[in-house]
């Protein structure tokens, strides 16, 4: 999703070699740069149970999204009574408040702002707050029409893991499949914005009319997400 022209990419790569930290890691990572090692599981709802409950797709989008520039538009947004969801890749969003892991040295596409802010006016921290990116409203789909906005609670599923998050940023209107550094790390996905992420197999479930405040309260998002995930499993 995050695209850099080849000429700029070459220059950025050279700059990164000179300025990037030797190891891009957090307290939950080790080994190669940006590679999480056995992050702690969040909640007790099983990924397989959630995916089985979602089943097939009843599309709520009018069209389909691309996973990246230049790829085929083949990803619909699907809906249930209490949530919307899509299955796509995961690109790493490092935007927002700069830190040791997300800044203009570690990420050639870094932006120091996010679409949504904390109540104190500061932008979100991608390296500490699990958040997901929704596509900007368009003729394809408008997230606002489904009771979704800043702080809406999400469950992100990858392999056997569930990571709870909030809606924290807005991306291009025709591309889908992006989440913060912290979301990726929590799922065991390599969170390096320069080449991390995963090309497929991530399901993003965003619950309707369920927001936490303040937006950066991850404990509240996890508790709400776990409750709503169980409700989804029970068919309510």
C-alpha atoms as a PDB file:
ATOM      1  CA  UNK A   1       0.000   0.000   0.000  1.00  0.00           C
ATOM      2  CA  UNK A   2       2.837   2.348   0.832  1.00  0.00           C
ATOM      3  CA  UNK A   3       4.483   3.201  -2.505  1.00  0.00           C
ATOM      4  CA  UNK A   4       7.734   5.022  -3.173  1.00  0.00           C
ATOM      5  CA  UNK A   5       9.058   5.800  -6.698  1.00  0.00           C
ATOM      6  CA  UNK A   6      12.110   3.721  -7.591  1.00  0.00           C
ATOM      7  CA  UNK A   7      14.473   6.675  -7.809  1.00  0.00           C
ATOM      8  CA  UNK A   8      13.410   7.943  -4.398  1.00  0.00           C
ATOM      9  CA  UNK A   9      13.497   4.415  -3.010  1.00  0.00           C
ATOM     10  CA  UNK A  10      17.133   4.007  -4.001  1.00  0.00           C
ATOM     11  CA  UNK A  11      18.068   7.282  -2.361  1.00  0.00           C
ATOM     12  CA  UNK A  12      16.051   6.454   0.732  1.00  0.00           C
ATOM     13  CA  UNK A  13      17.669   3.049   1.015  1.00  0.00           C
ATOM     14  CA  UNK A  14      21.123   4.602   0.942  1.00  0.00           C
ATOM     15  CA  UNK A  15      20.113   7.119   3.581  1.00  0.00           C
ATOM     16  CA  UNK A  16      18.616   4.424   5.753  1.00  0.00           C
ATOM     17  CA  UNK A  17      21.797   2.355   5.651  1.00  0.00           C
ATOM     18  CA  UNK A  18      23.658   5.314   7.027  1.00  0.00           C
ATOM     19  CA  UNK A  19      21.108   6.488   9.589  1.00  0.00           C
ATOM     20  CA  UNK A  20      18.868   3.607  10.652  1.00  0.00           C
ATOM     21  CA  UNK A  21      19.489   1.858  13.972  1.00  0.00           C
ATOM     22  CA  UNK A  22      21.407  -1.395  13.739  1.00  0.00           C
ATOM     23  CA  UNK A  23      18.393  -3.278  15.117  1.00  0.00           C
ATOM     24  CA  UNK A  24      14.760  -2.260  14.769  1.00  0.00           C
ATOM     25  CA  UNK A  25      13.070  -3.901  17.713  1.00  0.00           C
ATOM     26  CA  UNK A  26      10.809  -3.533  20.726  1.00  0.00           C
ATOM     27  CA  UNK A  27      10.752  -5.282  24.060  1.00  0.00           C
ATOM     28  CA  UNK A  28       8.787  -8.059  22.365  1.00  0.00           C
ATOM     29  CA  UNK A  29      11.143  -8.519  19.426  1.00  0.00           C
ATOM     30  CA  UNK A  30      14.477 -10.137  18.855  1.00  0.00           C
ATOM     31  CA  UNK A  31      16.518 -11.646  16.058  1.00  0.00           C
ATOM     32  CA  UNK A  32      16.419  -9.893  12.671  1.00  0.00           C
ATOM     33  CA  UNK A  33      15.365  -6.218  12.526  1.00  0.00           C
ATOM     34  CA  UNK A  34      11.643  -5.765  13.075  1.00  0.00           C
ATOM     35  CA  UNK A  35      11.000  -9.475  13.594  1.00  0.00           C
ATOM     36  CA  UNK A  36       8.750 -10.214  16.592  1.00  0.00           C
ATOM     37  CA  UNK A  37       9.550 -13.250  18.680  1.00  0.00           C
ATOM     38  CA  UNK A  38       6.606 -14.956  20.387  1.00  0.00           C
ATOM     39  CA  UNK A  39       4.470 -11.908  21.301  1.00  0.00           C
ATOM     40  CA  UNK A  40       2.064 -12.446  24.178  1.00  0.00           C
ATOM     41  CA  UNK A  41      -1.396 -13.617  23.139  1.00  0.00           C
ATOM     42  CA  UNK A  42      -4.250 -11.208  23.744  1.00  0.00           C
ATOM     43  CA  UNK A  43      -7.588 -12.441  25.047  1.00  0.00           C
ATOM     44  CA  UNK A  44      -8.946 -15.972  24.926  1.00  0.00           C
ATOM     45  CA  UNK A  45     -11.113 -15.930  21.779  1.00  0.00           C
ATOM     46  CA  UNK A  46      -9.570 -18.267  19.221  1.00  0.00           C
ATOM     47  CA  UNK A  47      -8.734 -17.043  15.731  1.00  0.00           C
ATOM     48  CA  UNK A  48     -10.107 -20.211  14.126  1.00  0.00           C
ATOM     49  CA  UNK A  49     -13.461 -19.802  15.884  1.00  0.00           C
ATOM     50  CA  UNK A  50     -13.821 -16.199  14.749  1.00  0.00           C
ATOM     51  CA  UNK A  51     -12.950 -17.033  11.154  1.00  0.00           C
ATOM     52  CA  UNK A  52     -15.371 -19.957  11.134  1.00  0.00           C
ATOM     53  CA  UNK A  53     -18.149 -17.725  12.437  1.00  0.00           C
ATOM     54  CA  UNK A  54     -17.541 -15.099   9.756  1.00  0.00           C
ATOM     55  CA  UNK A  55     -17.896 -17.749   7.053  1.00  0.00           C
ATOM     56  CA  UNK A  56     -18.595 -16.439   3.556  1.00  0.00           C
ATOM     57  CA  UNK A  57     -18.800 -12.803   2.517  1.00  0.00           C
ATOM     58  CA  UNK A  58     -21.949 -10.723   2.276  1.00  0.00           C
ATOM     59  CA  UNK A  59     -20.507  -7.646   0.581  1.00  0.00           C
ATOM     60  CA  UNK A  60     -21.420  -4.247   1.975  1.00  0.00           C
ATOM     61  CA  UNK A  61     -19.050  -2.335  -0.314  1.00  0.00           C
ATOM     62  CA  UNK A  62     -20.256  -1.302  -3.764  1.00  0.00           C
ATOM     63  CA  UNK A  63     -16.962  -2.293  -5.327  1.00  0.00           C
ATOM     64  CA  UNK A  64     -13.651  -3.883  -4.432  1.00  0.00           C
ATOM     65  CA  UNK A  65     -10.297  -2.657  -3.202  1.00  0.00           C
ATOM     66  CA  UNK A  66      -6.694  -3.191  -4.229  1.00  0.00           C
ATOM     67  CA  UNK A  67      -4.123  -4.432  -1.736  1.00  0.00           C
ATOM     68  CA  UNK A  68      -1.426  -2.215  -3.302  1.00  0.00           C
ATOM     69  CA  UNK A  69      -1.001   0.187  -6.190  1.00  0.00           C
ATOM     70  CA  UNK A  70      -1.035  -1.705  -9.471  1.00  0.00           C
ATOM     71  CA  UNK A  71      -2.728  -4.843  -8.130  1.00  0.00           C
ATOM     72  CA  UNK A  72      -6.158  -6.130  -9.097  1.00  0.00           C
ATOM     73  CA  UNK A  73      -9.165  -4.785  -7.213  1.00  0.00           C
ATOM     74  CA  UNK A  74     -10.532  -8.004  -5.718  1.00  0.00           C
ATOM     75  CA  UNK A  75     -11.084  -7.326  -1.994  1.00  0.00           C
ATOM     76  CA  UNK A  76     -14.663  -6.633  -0.847  1.00  0.00           C
ATOM     77  CA  UNK A  77     -15.723  -5.274   2.511  1.00  0.00           C
ATOM     78  CA  UNK A  78     -18.082  -7.837   4.022  1.00  0.00           C
ATOM     79  CA  UNK A  79     -20.680  -7.405   6.735  1.00  0.00           C
ATOM     80  CA  UNK A  80     -22.482  -9.114   9.572  1.00  0.00           C
ATOM     81  CA  UNK A  81     -25.099  -7.653  11.889  1.00  0.00           C
ATOM     82  CA  UNK A  82     -22.502  -6.289  14.290  1.00  0.00           C
ATOM     83  CA  UNK A  83     -19.306  -5.876  12.286  1.00  0.00           C
ATOM     84  CA  UNK A  84     -17.659  -5.335   8.927  1.00  0.00           C
ATOM     85  CA  UNK A  85     -14.578  -7.244   7.814  1.00  0.00           C
ATOM     86  CA  UNK A  86     -12.134  -7.815   4.979  1.00  0.00           C
ATOM     87  CA  UNK A  87      -9.246 -10.165   4.293  1.00  0.00           C
ATOM     88  CA  UNK A  88      -6.152  -8.635   2.731  1.00  0.00           C
ATOM     89  CA  UNK A  89      -2.428  -8.141   3.153  1.00  0.00           C
ATOM     90  CA  UNK A  90      -0.853  -6.117   5.934  1.00  0.00           C
ATOM     91  CA  UNK A  91       1.301  -3.134   5.151  1.00  0.00           C
ATOM     92  CA  UNK A  92       2.998  -1.421   8.079  1.00  0.00           C
ATOM     93  CA  UNK A  93       1.823   2.050   9.081  1.00  0.00           C
ATOM     94  CA  UNK A  94       4.538   3.801  11.098  1.00  0.00           C
ATOM     95  CA  UNK A  95       2.895   7.225  10.895  1.00  0.00           C
ATOM     96  CA  UNK A  96       2.062   9.449  13.822  1.00  0.00           C
ATOM     97  CA  UNK A  97       4.035  10.615  16.805  1.00  0.00           C
ATOM     98  CA  UNK A  98       7.738   9.948  16.166  1.00  0.00           C
ATOM     99  CA  UNK A  99       9.591   7.479  18.362  1.00  0.00           C
ATOM    100  CA  UNK A 100      12.761   5.376  18.240  1.00  0.00           C
ATOM    101  CA  UNK A 101      11.133   2.822  15.905  1.00  0.00           C
ATOM    102  CA  UNK A 102       8.872   5.014  13.753  1.00  0.00           C
ATOM    103  CA  UNK A 103      10.457   8.162  12.393  1.00  0.00           C
ATOM    104  CA  UNK A 104      11.776   9.677   9.164  1.00  0.00           C
ATOM    105  CA  UNK A 105      15.025   7.701   9.460  1.00  0.00           C
ATOM    106  CA  UNK A 106      13.475   4.257   9.855  1.00  0.00           C
ATOM    107  CA  UNK A 107      10.611   4.857   7.396  1.00  0.00           C
ATOM    108  CA  UNK A 108      11.166   6.677   4.051  1.00  0.00           C
ATOM    109  CA  UNK A 109       7.400   7.318   3.831  1.00  0.00           C
ATOM    110  CA  UNK A 110       7.014   8.524   7.407  1.00  0.00           C
ATOM    111  CA  UNK A 111       4.378  11.136   8.229  1.00  0.00           C
ATOM    112  CA  UNK A 112       4.274  12.676  11.694  1.00  0.00           C
ATOM    113  CA  UNK A 113       0.466  12.790  11.694  1.00  0.00           C
ATOM    114  CA  UNK A 114      -2.466  10.382  11.732  1.00  0.00           C
ATOM    115  CA  UNK A 115      -6.038  11.038  10.622  1.00  0.00           C
ATOM    116  CA  UNK A 116      -7.191  10.886  14.233  1.00  0.00           C
ATOM    117  CA  UNK A 117      -5.715  12.327  17.419  1.00  0.00           C
ATOM    118  CA  UNK A 118      -5.716  11.759  21.153  1.00  0.00           C
ATOM    119  CA  UNK A 119      -7.882  14.058  23.294  1.00  0.00           C
ATOM    120  CA  UNK A 120      -4.734  16.035  24.204  1.00  0.00           C
ATOM    121  CA  UNK A 121      -4.224  16.870  20.515  1.00  0.00           C
ATOM    122  CA  UNK A 122      -1.221  14.605  20.006  1.00  0.00           C
ATOM    123  CA  UNK A 123      -1.162  12.199  17.082  1.00  0.00           C
ATOM    124  CA  UNK A 124      -1.217   8.469  17.695  1.00  0.00           C
ATOM    125  CA  UNK A 125       1.944   6.412  18.216  1.00  0.00           C
ATOM    126  CA  UNK A 126       2.110   3.584  15.679  1.00  0.00           C
ATOM    127  CA  UNK A 127       4.882   1.834  17.574  1.00  0.00           C
ATOM    128  CA  UNK A 128       2.951   1.590  20.861  1.00  0.00           C
ATOM    129  CA  UNK A 129      -0.758   1.639  19.902  1.00  0.00           C
ATOM    130  CA  UNK A 130      -2.339  -1.196  17.928  1.00  0.00           C
ATOM    131  CA  UNK A 131      -4.488   0.514  15.303  1.00  0.00           C
ATOM    132  CA  UNK A 132      -5.839  -0.287  11.849  1.00  0.00           C
ATOM    133  CA  UNK A 133      -6.188   1.879   8.767  1.00  0.00           C
ATOM    134  CA  UNK A 134      -9.515   2.217   6.952  1.00  0.00           C
ATOM    135  CA  UNK A 135      -9.789   3.466   3.362  1.00  0.00           C
ATOM    136  CA  UNK A 136     -10.977   7.017   2.865  1.00  0.00           C
ATOM    137  CA  UNK A 137     -14.716   7.303   2.114  1.00  0.00           C
ATOM    138  CA  UNK A 138     -15.412   6.821  -1.583  1.00  0.00           C
ATOM    139  CA  UNK A 139     -17.978   5.422  -4.007  1.00  0.00           C
ATOM    140  CA  UNK A 140     -16.611   1.979  -3.103  1.00  0.00           C
ATOM    141  CA  UNK A 141     -17.444   2.191   0.604  1.00  0.00           C
ATOM    142  CA  UNK A 142     -17.821   4.705   3.414  1.00  0.00           C
ATOM    143  CA  UNK A 143     -16.867   3.449   6.866  1.00  0.00           C
ATOM    144  CA  UNK A 144     -18.959   6.168   8.508  1.00  0.00           C
ATOM    145  CA  UNK A 145     -22.150   4.589   7.151  1.00  0.00           C
ATOM    146  CA  UNK A 146     -21.543   1.588   9.432  1.00  0.00           C
ATOM    147  CA  UNK A 147     -21.062   3.337  12.753  1.00  0.00           C
ATOM    148  CA  UNK A 148     -17.278   3.322  12.397  1.00  0.00           C
ATOM    149  CA  UNK A 149     -14.955   6.193  13.242  1.00  0.00           C
ATOM    150  CA  UNK A 150     -11.931   7.148  15.336  1.00  0.00           C
ATOM    151  CA  UNK A 151     -11.498   4.699  18.198  1.00  0.00           C
ATOM    152  CA  UNK A 152     -13.767   2.016  16.751  1.00  0.00           C
ATOM    153  CA  UNK A 153     -12.708  -1.362  18.090  1.00  0.00           C
ATOM    154  CA  UNK A 154     -11.244  -3.989  15.764  1.00  0.00           C
ATOM    155  CA  UNK A 155     -10.082  -7.591  16.002  1.00  0.00           C
ATOM    156  CA  UNK A 156      -7.231  -8.365  13.616  1.00  0.00           C
ATOM    157  CA  UNK A 157      -6.698 -12.056  12.860  1.00  0.00           C
ATOM    158  CA  UNK A 158      -3.554 -13.638  11.436  1.00  0.00           C
ATOM    159  CA  UNK A 159      -2.898 -17.370  11.539  1.00  0.00           C
ATOM    160  CA  UNK A 160      -3.691 -18.460  15.112  1.00  0.00           C
ATOM    161  CA  UNK A 161      -3.576 -14.992  16.680  1.00  0.00           C
ATOM    162  CA  UNK A 162      -6.099 -12.268  17.463  1.00  0.00           C
ATOM    163  CA  UNK A 163      -4.893  -8.731  18.156  1.00  0.00           C
ATOM    164  CA  UNK A 164      -7.370  -6.105  19.322  1.00  0.00           C
ATOM    165  CA  UNK A 165      -6.917  -2.597  17.978  1.00  0.00           C
ATOM    166  CA  UNK A 166      -8.728   0.645  17.203  1.00  0.00           C
ATOM    167  CA  UNK A 167      -9.391   2.515  13.981  1.00  0.00           C
ATOM    168  CA  UNK A 168      -6.595   5.065  14.063  1.00  0.00           C
ATOM    169  CA  UNK A 169      -5.791   6.251  10.557  1.00  0.00           C
ATOM    170  CA  UNK A 170      -7.287   6.672   7.093  1.00  0.00           C
ATOM    171  CA  UNK A 171      -5.598   5.561   3.877  1.00  0.00           C
ATOM    172  CA  UNK A 172      -6.182   5.909   0.126  1.00  0.00           C
ATOM    173  CA  UNK A 173      -9.744   5.547  -1.102  1.00  0.00           C
ATOM    174  CA  UNK A 174      -9.069   2.536  -3.330  1.00  0.00           C
ATOM    175  CA  UNK A 175      -6.586   0.483  -1.259  1.00  0.00           C
ATOM    176  CA  UNK A 176      -7.110  -1.632   1.857  1.00  0.00           C
ATOM    177  CA  UNK A 177      -4.921  -3.691   4.212  1.00  0.00           C
ATOM    178  CA  UNK A 178      -2.738  -1.703   6.594  1.00  0.00           C
ATOM    179  CA  UNK A 179      -2.134  -1.549  10.349  1.00  0.00           C
ATOM    180  CA  UNK A 180       0.263   0.022  12.803  1.00  0.00           C
ATOM    181  CA  UNK A 181       3.691  -1.242  13.808  1.00  0.00           C
ATOM    182  CA  UNK A 182       2.261  -2.310  17.183  1.00  0.00           C
ATOM    183  CA  UNK A 183      -0.570  -4.308  15.560  1.00  0.00           C
ATOM    184  CA  UNK A 184       1.870  -6.221  13.388  1.00  0.00           C
ATOM    185  CA  UNK A 185       4.204  -6.916  16.309  1.00  0.00           C
ATOM    186  CA  UNK A 186       1.307  -8.268  18.365  1.00  0.00           C
ATOM    187  CA  UNK A 187       0.420 -10.715  15.592  1.00  0.00           C
ATOM    188  CA  UNK A 188       3.965 -11.959  15.065  1.00  0.00           C
ATOM    189  CA  UNK A 189       4.202 -10.143  11.721  1.00  0.00           C
ATOM    190  CA  UNK A 190       7.515  -8.453  10.941  1.00  0.00           C
ATOM    191  CA  UNK A 191       6.721  -4.765  11.650  1.00  0.00           C
ATOM    192  CA  UNK A 192       9.587  -3.103   9.785  1.00  0.00           C
ATOM    193  CA  UNK A 193       7.994  -0.343   7.602  1.00  0.00           C
ATOM    194  CA  UNK A 194      10.737  -0.813   5.000  1.00  0.00           C
ATOM    195  CA  UNK A 195       9.881  -4.387   4.071  1.00  0.00           C
ATOM    196  CA  UNK A 196       7.820  -5.979   6.794  1.00  0.00           C
ATOM    197  CA  UNK A 197       4.165  -6.906   6.790  1.00  0.00           C
ATOM    198  CA  UNK A 198       2.676  -9.926   5.068  1.00  0.00           C
ATOM    199  CA  UNK A 199       1.262 -10.298   1.536  1.00  0.00           C
ATOM    200  CA  UNK A 200      -2.009 -12.026   2.463  1.00  0.00           C
ATOM    201  CA  UNK A 201      -4.080 -13.833   5.051  1.00  0.00           C
ATOM    202  CA  UNK A 202      -4.978 -11.017   7.468  1.00  0.00           C
ATOM    203  CA  UNK A 203      -8.631 -10.548   8.423  1.00  0.00           C
ATOM    204  CA  UNK A 204      -9.672  -7.192   9.832  1.00  0.00           C
ATOM    205  CA  UNK A 205     -12.932  -7.192  11.813  1.00  0.00           C
ATOM    206  CA  UNK A 206     -14.250  -3.763  12.828  1.00  0.00           C
ATOM    207  CA  UNK A 207     -17.198  -3.679  15.195  1.00  0.00           C
ATOM    208  CA  UNK A 208     -20.076  -1.303  14.500  1.00  0.00           C
ATOM    209  CA  UNK A 209     -21.023   1.402  17.007  1.00  0.00           C
ATOM    210  CA  UNK A 210     -18.258   0.404  19.431  1.00  0.00           C
ATOM    211  CA  UNK A 211     -15.643   3.020  20.218  1.00  0.00           C
ATOM    212  CA  UNK A 212     -13.247   3.560  23.101  1.00  0.00           C
ATOM    213  CA  UNK A 213     -12.263   6.892  24.574  1.00  0.00           C
ATOM    214  CA  UNK A 214      -9.588   7.984  24.905  1.00  0.00           C
ATOM    215  CA  UNK A 215      -8.560   6.418  21.613  1.00  0.00           C
ATOM    216  CA  UNK A 216      -5.143   5.414  23.034  1.00  0.00           C
ATOM    217  CA  UNK A 217      -6.647   3.293  25.835  1.00  0.00           C
ATOM    218  CA  UNK A 218      -5.607  -0.105  24.537  1.00  0.00           C
ATOM    219  CA  UNK A 219      -6.765  -1.963  27.648  1.00  0.00           C
ATOM    220  CA  UNK A 220     -10.295  -0.674  27.023  1.00  0.00           C
ATOM    221  CA  UNK A 221     -10.078  -1.654  23.352  1.00  0.00           C
ATOM    222  CA  UNK A 222      -8.927  -5.168  24.244  1.00  0.00           C
ATOM    223  CA  UNK A 223     -11.693  -5.650  26.824  1.00  0.00           C
ATOM    224  CA  UNK A 224     -14.363  -4.323  24.450  1.00  0.00           C
ATOM    225  CA  UNK A 225     -13.001  -6.344  21.557  1.00  0.00           C
ATOM    226  CA  UNK A 226     -13.005  -9.558  23.561  1.00  0.00           C
ATOM    227  CA  UNK A 227     -16.616  -8.980  24.651  1.00  0.00           C
ATOM    228  CA  UNK A 228     -17.788  -8.211  21.117  1.00  0.00           C
ATOM    229  CA  UNK A 229     -15.850 -11.128  19.642  1.00  0.00           C
ATOM    230  CA  UNK A 230     -17.631 -13.474  22.040  1.00  0.00           C
ATOM    231  CA  UNK A 231     -20.944 -11.887  21.134  1.00  0.00           C
ATOM    232  CA  UNK A 232     -20.176 -12.473  17.465  1.00  0.00           C
ATOM    233  CA  UNK A 233     -19.384 -16.129  18.195  1.00  0.00           C
ATOM    234  CA  UNK A 234     -22.723 -16.501  19.944  1.00  0.00           C
ATOM    235  CA  UNK A 235     -24.535 -15.085  16.922  1.00  0.00           C
ATOM    236  CA  UNK A 236     -25.738 -11.987  18.731  1.00  0.00           C
END
